[in-house]
Amino acid sequence: MNTREEIKKAIDTLPEEALEGVLDYVRFIQEPEEVEPTEADIKAIARGQEEMARGEVVRWRDIKKNVL
């Protein structure tokens, strides 16, 4: 079964009241809203870029391995 078929099967099992949320999400991923970063976002991105430049990074797979 491919992904599209699995999604359709899963949707068929959802209660009617859950379908509006699913539709909202589908519309969102089809046309994501444009969001302007805040000043705090811009500063956080700059800090992250500086940390990466200094080699102060942790790979996601390492975090995931240590947590699980």
PDB file of N, CA and C in Angstrom:
ATOM      1  N   MET A   1       0.846  -1.168   0.000  1.00  0.00           N
ATOM      2  CA  MET A   1       0.000   0.000   0.000  1.00  0.00           C
ATOM      3  C   MET A   1       0.899   1.241   0.000  1.00  0.00           C
ATOM      4  N   ASN A   2       0.621   2.185  -0.892  1.00  0.00           N
ATOM      5  CA  ASN A   2       1.443   3.395  -0.931  1.00  0.00           C
ATOM      6  C   ASN A   2       0.923   4.434   0.071  1.00  0.00           C
ATOM      7  N   THR A   3       1.668   5.500   0.211  1.00  0.00           N
ATOM      8  CA  THR A   3       1.345   6.520   1.215  1.00  0.00           C
ATOM      9  C   THR A   3      -0.033   7.125   0.991  1.00  0.00           C
ATOM     10  N   ARG A   4      -0.354   7.446  -0.241  1.00  0.00           N
ATOM     11  CA  ARG A   4      -1.658   8.052  -0.549  1.00  0.00           C
ATOM     12  C   ARG A   4      -2.796   7.123  -0.115  1.00  0.00           C
ATOM     13  N   GLU A   5      -2.635   5.840  -0.402  1.00  0.00           N
ATOM     14  CA  GLU A   5      -3.668   4.868  -0.019  1.00  0.00           C
ATOM     15  C   GLU A   5      -3.782   4.755   1.506  1.00  0.00           C
ATOM     16  N   GLU A   6      -2.643   4.796   2.190  1.00  0.00           N
ATOM     17  CA  GLU A   6      -2.661   4.735   3.652  1.00  0.00           C
ATOM     18  C   GLU A   6      -3.363   5.949   4.246  1.00  0.00           C
ATOM     19  N   ILE A   7      -3.098   7.120   3.671  1.00  0.00           N
ATOM     20  CA  ILE A   7      -3.753   8.342   4.161  1.00  0.00           C
ATOM     21  C   ILE A   7      -5.257   8.256   3.955  1.00  0.00           C
ATOM     22  N   LYS A   8      -5.663   7.832   2.783  1.00  0.00           N
ATOM     23  CA  LYS A   8      -7.100   7.720   2.510  1.00  0.00           C
ATOM     24  C   LYS A   8      -7.766   6.729   3.467  1.00  0.00           C
ATOM     25  N   LYS A   9      -7.099   5.622   3.731  1.00  0.00           N
ATOM     26  CA  LYS A   9      -7.643   4.615   4.645  1.00  0.00           C
ATOM     27  C   LYS A   9      -7.765   5.186   6.059  1.00  0.00           C
ATOM     28  N   ALA A  10      -6.732   5.913   6.491  1.00  0.00           N
ATOM     29  CA  ALA A  10      -6.749   6.508   7.831  1.00  0.00           C
ATOM     30  C   ALA A  10      -7.854   7.553   7.950  1.00  0.00           C
ATOM     31  N   ILE A  11      -8.029   8.360   6.923  1.00  0.00           N
ATOM     32  CA  ILE A  11      -9.074   9.385   6.945  1.00  0.00           C
ATOM     33  C   ILE A  11     -10.451   8.746   7.070  1.00  0.00           C
ATOM     34  N   ASP A  12     -10.643   7.630   6.406  1.00  0.00           N
ATOM     35  CA  ASP A  12     -11.938   6.946   6.472  1.00  0.00           C
ATOM     36  C   ASP A  12     -12.275   6.464   7.879  1.00  0.00           C
ATOM     37  N   THR A  13     -11.268   6.323   8.739  1.00  0.00           N
ATOM     38  CA  THR A  13     -11.524   5.844  10.101  1.00  0.00           C
ATOM     39  C   THR A  13     -11.747   6.982  11.099  1.00  0.00           C
ATOM     40  N   LEU A  14     -11.496   8.218  10.670  1.00  0.00           N
ATOM     41  CA  LEU A  14     -11.616   9.353  11.583  1.00  0.00           C
ATOM     42  C   LEU A  14     -13.076   9.733  11.821  1.00  0.00           C
ATOM     43  N   PRO A  15     -13.379  10.200  13.032  1.00  0.00           N
ATOM     44  CA  PRO A  15     -14.729  10.701  13.275  1.00  0.00           C
ATOM     45  C   PRO A  15     -14.936  12.005  12.511  1.00  0.00           C
ATOM     46  N   GLU A  16     -16.151  12.307  12.192  1.00  0.00           N
ATOM     47  CA  GLU A  16     -16.495  13.492  11.396  1.00  0.00           C
ATOM     48  C   GLU A  16     -15.915  14.774  11.988  1.00  0.00           C
ATOM     49  N   GLU A  17     -15.935  14.895  13.330  1.00  0.00           N
ATOM     50  CA  GLU A  17     -15.457  16.135  13.948  1.00  0.00           C
ATOM     51  C   GLU A  17     -13.949  16.339  13.796  1.00  0.00           C
ATOM     52  N   ALA A  18     -13.204  15.307  13.473  1.00  0.00           N
ATOM     53  CA  ALA A  18     -11.760  15.431  13.282  1.00  0.00           C
ATOM     54  C   ALA A  18     -11.406  15.861  11.866  1.00  0.00           C
ATOM     55  N   LEU A  19     -12.321  15.718  10.939  1.00  0.00           N
ATOM     56  CA  LEU A  19     -12.005  15.978   9.535  1.00  0.00           C
ATOM     57  C   LEU A  19     -11.721  17.443   9.241  1.00  0.00           C
ATOM     58  N   GLU A  20     -12.355  18.357   9.975  1.00  0.00           N
ATOM     59  CA  GLU A  20     -12.104  19.779   9.745  1.00  0.00           C
ATOM     60  C   GLU A  20     -10.646  20.117  10.049  1.00  0.00           C
ATOM     61  N   GLY A  21     -10.116  19.551  11.127  1.00  0.00           N
ATOM     62  CA  GLY A  21      -8.713  19.772  11.464  1.00  0.00           C
ATOM     63  C   GLY A  21      -7.784  19.202  10.412  1.00  0.00           C
ATOM     64  N   VAL A  22      -8.119  18.043   9.893  1.00  0.00           N
ATOM     65  CA  VAL A  22      -7.308  17.435   8.833  1.00  0.00           C
ATOM     66  C   VAL A  22      -7.316  18.332   7.596  1.00  0.00           C
ATOM     67  N   LEU A  23      -8.492  18.824   7.238  1.00  0.00           N
ATOM     68  CA  LEU A  23      -8.601  19.695   6.070  1.00  0.00           C
ATOM     69  C   LEU A  23      -7.803  20.985   6.284  1.00  0.00           C
ATOM     70  N   ASP A  24      -7.879  21.556   7.471  1.00  0.00           N
ATOM     71  CA  ASP A  24      -7.102  22.762   7.767  1.00  0.00           C
ATOM     72  C   ASP A  24      -5.616  22.493   7.575  1.00  0.00           C
ATOM     73  N   TYR A  25      -5.144  21.352   8.063  1.00  0.00           N
ATOM     74  CA  TYR A  25      -3.731  21.016   7.939  1.00  0.00           C
ATOM     75  C   TYR A  25      -3.339  20.819   6.477  1.00  0.00           C
ATOM     76  N   VAL A  26      -4.164  20.124   5.719  1.00  0.00           N
ATOM     77  CA  VAL A  26      -3.864  19.902   4.302  1.00  0.00           C
ATOM     78  C   VAL A  26      -3.774  21.236   3.568  1.00  0.00           C
ATOM     79  N   ARG A  27      -4.700  22.133   3.847  1.00  0.00           N
ATOM     80  CA  ARG A  27      -4.656  23.459   3.211  1.00  0.00           C
ATOM     81  C   ARG A  27      -3.386  24.207   3.609  1.00  0.00           C
ATOM     82  N   PHE A  28      -2.987  24.078   4.878  1.00  0.00           N
ATOM     83  CA  PHE A  28      -1.775  24.756   5.353  1.00  0.00           C
ATOM     84  C   PHE A  28      -0.537  24.255   4.621  1.00  0.00           C
ATOM     85  N   ILE A  29      -0.394  22.945   4.478  1.00  0.00           N
ATOM     86  CA  ILE A  29       0.816  22.439   3.824  1.00  0.00           C
ATOM     87  C   ILE A  29       0.789  22.670   2.314  1.00  0.00           C
ATOM     88  N   GLN A  30      -0.406  22.859   1.756  1.00  0.00           N
ATOM     89  CA  GLN A  30      -0.479  23.179   0.337  1.00  0.00           C
ATOM     90  C   GLN A  30      -0.041  24.613   0.082  1.00  0.00           C
ATOM     91  N   GLU A  31      -0.408  25.512   0.968  1.00  0.00           N
ATOM     92  CA  GLU A  31      -0.068  26.923   0.822  1.00  0.00           C
ATOM     93  C   GLU A  31       0.318  27.487   2.186  1.00  0.00           C
ATOM     94  N   PRO A  32       1.538  27.219   2.638  1.00  0.00           N
ATOM     95  CA  PRO A  32       1.937  27.721   3.962  1.00  0.00           C
ATOM     96  C   PRO A  32       1.919  29.241   3.992  1.00  0.00           C
ATOM     97  N   GLU A  33       1.515  29.770   5.133  1.00  0.00           N
ATOM     98  CA  GLU A  33       1.467  31.219   5.264  1.00  0.00           C
ATOM     99  C   GLU A  33       2.882  31.773   5.391  1.00  0.00           C
ATOM    100  N   GLU A  34       3.069  32.966   4.876  1.00  0.00           N
ATOM    101  CA  GLU A  34       4.352  33.632   4.985  1.00  0.00           C
ATOM    102  C   GLU A  34       4.435  34.268   6.368  1.00  0.00           C
ATOM    103  N   VAL A  35       5.513  33.999   7.063  1.00  0.00           N
ATOM    104  CA  VAL A  35       5.698  34.528   8.404  1.00  0.00           C
ATOM    105  C   VAL A  35       6.995  35.317   8.442  1.00  0.00           C
ATOM    106  N   GLU A  36       6.913  36.546   8.883  1.00  0.00           N
ATOM    107  CA  GLU A  36       8.105  37.370   9.029  1.00  0.00           C
ATOM    108  C   GLU A  36       8.759  37.042  10.371  1.00  0.00           C
ATOM    109  N   PRO A  37      10.056  36.800  10.377  1.00  0.00           N
ATOM    110  CA  PRO A  37      10.717  36.496  11.651  1.00  0.00           C
ATOM    111  C   PRO A  37      10.731  37.730  12.559  1.00  0.00           C
ATOM    112  N   THR A  38      10.590  37.474  13.840  1.00  0.00           N
ATOM    113  CA  THR A  38      10.674  38.556  14.818  1.00  0.00           C
ATOM    114  C   THR A  38      12.140  38.907  15.047  1.00  0.00           C
ATOM    115  N   GLU A  39      12.373  39.996  15.764  1.00  0.00           N
ATOM    116  CA  GLU A  39      13.743  40.378  16.103  1.00  0.00           C
ATOM    117  C   GLU A  39      14.414  39.269  16.917  1.00  0.00           C
ATOM    118  N   ALA A  40      13.639  38.646  17.829  1.00  0.00           N
ATOM    119  CA  ALA A  40      14.177  37.540  18.630  1.00  0.00           C
ATOM    120  C   ALA A  40      14.554  36.357  17.744  1.00  0.00           C
ATOM    121  N   ASP A  41      13.727  36.064  16.744  1.00  0.00           N
ATOM    122  CA  ASP A  41      14.038  34.980  15.806  1.00  0.00           C
ATOM    123  C   ASP A  41      15.341  35.261  15.068  1.00  0.00           C
ATOM    124  N   ILE A  42      15.496  36.490  14.599  1.00  0.00           N
ATOM    125  CA  ILE A  42      16.688  36.867  13.841  1.00  0.00           C
ATOM    126  C   ILE A  42      17.933  36.732  14.718  1.00  0.00           C
ATOM    127  N   LYS A  43      17.838  37.159  15.981  1.00  0.00           N
ATOM    128  CA  LYS A  43      18.968  37.040  16.902  1.00  0.00           C
ATOM    129  C   LYS A  43      19.299  35.578  17.188  1.00  0.00           C
ATOM    130  N   ALA A  44      18.268  34.752  17.364  1.00  0.00           N
ATOM    131  CA  ALA A  44      18.491  33.328  17.636  1.00  0.00           C
ATOM    132  C   ALA A  44      19.151  32.645  16.448  1.00  0.00           C
ATOM    133  N   ILE A  45      18.748  33.006  15.260  1.00  0.00           N
ATOM    134  CA  ILE A  45      19.359  32.435  14.053  1.00  0.00           C
ATOM    135  C   ILE A  45      20.822  32.842  13.972  1.00  0.00           C
ATOM    136  N   ALA A  46      21.100  34.111  14.246  1.00  0.00           N
ATOM    137  CA  ALA A  46      22.488  34.597  14.208  1.00  0.00           C
ATOM    138  C   ALA A  46      23.345  33.868  15.245  1.00  0.00           C
ATOM    139  N   ARG A  47      22.804  33.670  16.464  1.00  0.00           N
ATOM    140  CA  ARG A  47      23.552  32.935  17.498  1.00  0.00           C
ATOM    141  C   ARG A  47      23.852  31.514  17.031  1.00  0.00           C
ATOM    142  N   GLY A  48      22.840  30.885  16.437  1.00  0.00           N
ATOM    143  CA  GLY A  48      23.031  29.524  15.952  1.00  0.00           C
ATOM    144  C   GLY A  48      24.084  29.449  14.855  1.00  0.00           C
ATOM    145  N   GLN A  49      24.077  30.418  13.964  1.00  0.00           N
ATOM    146  CA  GLN A  49      25.083  30.434  12.903  1.00  0.00           C
ATOM    147  C   GLN A  49      26.478  30.643  13.473  1.00  0.00           C
ATOM    148  N   GLU A  50      26.589  31.500  14.492  1.00  0.00           N
ATOM    149  CA  GLU A  50      27.885  31.716  15.140  1.00  0.00           C
ATOM    150  C   GLU A  50      28.362  30.438  15.833  1.00  0.00           C
ATOM    151  N   GLU A  51      27.464  29.743  16.506  1.00  0.00           N
ATOM    152  CA  GLU A  51      27.828  28.489  17.174  1.00  0.00           C
ATOM    153  C   GLU A  51      28.283  27.455  16.152  1.00  0.00           C
ATOM    154  N   MET A  52      27.589  27.384  15.035  1.00  0.00           N
ATOM    155  CA  MET A  52      27.981  26.439  13.993  1.00  0.00           C
ATOM    156  C   MET A  52      29.369  26.784  13.453  1.00  0.00           C
ATOM    157  N   ALA A  53      29.637  28.071  13.262  1.00  0.00           N
ATOM    158  CA  ALA A  53      30.935  28.499  12.740  1.00  0.00           C
ATOM    159  C   ALA A  53      32.063  28.122  13.699  1.00  0.00           C
ATOM    160  N   ARG A  54      31.763  28.120  15.011  1.00  0.00           N
ATOM    161  CA  ARG A  54      32.768  27.739  16.009  1.00  0.00           C
ATOM    162  C   ARG A  54      32.831  26.222  16.208  1.00  0.00           C
ATOM    163  N   GLY A  55      31.969  25.487  15.522  1.00  0.00           N
ATOM    164  CA  GLY A  55      31.953  24.039  15.645  1.00  0.00           C
ATOM    165  C   GLY A  55      31.189  23.540  16.857  1.00  0.00           C
ATOM    166  N   GLU A  56      30.393  24.397  17.447  1.00  0.00           N
ATOM    167  CA  GLU A  56      29.617  24.034  18.636  1.00  0.00           C
ATOM    168  C   GLU A  56      28.251  23.490  18.217  1.00  0.00           C
ATOM    169  N   VAL A  57      28.276  22.316  17.637  1.00  0.00           N
ATOM    170  CA  VAL A  57      27.025  21.722  17.158  1.00  0.00           C
ATOM    171  C   VAL A  57      26.894  20.289  17.668  1.00  0.00           C
ATOM    172  N   VAL A  58      25.671  19.846  17.749  1.00  0.00           N
ATOM    173  CA  VAL A  58      25.374  18.460  18.093  1.00  0.00           C
ATOM    174  C   VAL A  58      24.440  17.941  17.010  1.00  0.00           C
ATOM    175  N   ARG A  59      24.791  16.826  16.446  1.00  0.00           N
ATOM    176  CA  ARG A  59      23.957  16.251  15.391  1.00  0.00           C
ATOM    177  C   ARG A  59      22.674  15.677  15.984  1.00  0.00           C
ATOM    178  N   TRP A  60      21.576  15.825  15.249  1.00  0.00           N
ATOM    179  CA  TRP A  60      20.280  15.328  15.700  1.00  0.00           C
ATOM    180  C   TRP A  60      20.340  13.838  15.997  1.00  0.00           C
ATOM    181  N   ARG A  61      21.020  13.078  15.164  1.00  0.00           N
ATOM    182  CA  ARG A  61      21.062  11.625  15.390  1.00  0.00           C
ATOM    183  C   ARG A  61      21.758  11.292  16.702  1.00  0.00           C
ATOM    184  N   ASP A  62      22.735  12.130  17.120  1.00  0.00           N
ATOM    185  CA  ASP A  62      23.400  11.900  18.402  1.00  0.00           C
ATOM    186  C   ASP A  62      22.465  12.193  19.575  1.00  0.00           C
ATOM    187  N   ILE A  63      21.713  13.264  19.464  1.00  0.00           N
ATOM    188  CA  ILE A  63      20.732  13.589  20.514  1.00  0.00           C
ATOM    189  C   ILE A  63      19.698  12.485  20.602  1.00  0.00           C
ATOM    190  N   LYS A  64      19.188  12.090  19.462  1.00  0.00           N
ATOM    191  CA  LYS A  64      18.147  11.059  19.423  1.00  0.00           C
ATOM    192  C   LYS A  64      18.664   9.746  20.024  1.00  0.00           C
ATOM    193  N   LYS A  65      19.904   9.402  19.702  1.00  0.00           N
ATOM    194  CA  LYS A  65      20.488   8.152  20.218  1.00  0.00           C
ATOM    195  C   LYS A  65      20.616   8.203  21.741  1.00  0.00           C
ATOM    196  N   ASN A  66      20.999   9.358  22.279  1.00  0.00           N
ATOM    197  CA  ASN A  66      21.187   9.487  23.718  1.00  0.00           C
ATOM    198  C   ASN A  66      19.882   9.576  24.485  1.00  0.00           C
ATOM    199  N   VAL A  67      18.826  10.048  23.846  1.00  0.00           N
ATOM    200  CA  VAL A  67      17.527  10.197  24.510  1.00  0.00           C
ATOM    201  C   VAL A  67      16.770   8.876  24.506  1.00  0.00           C
ATOM    202  N   LEU A  68      16.864   8.150  23.408  1.00  0.00           N
ATOM    203  CA  LEU A  68      16.103   6.909  23.294  1.00  0.00           C
ATOM    204  C   LEU A  68      16.833   5.800  23.906  1.00  0.00           C
TER     205      LEU A  68
END
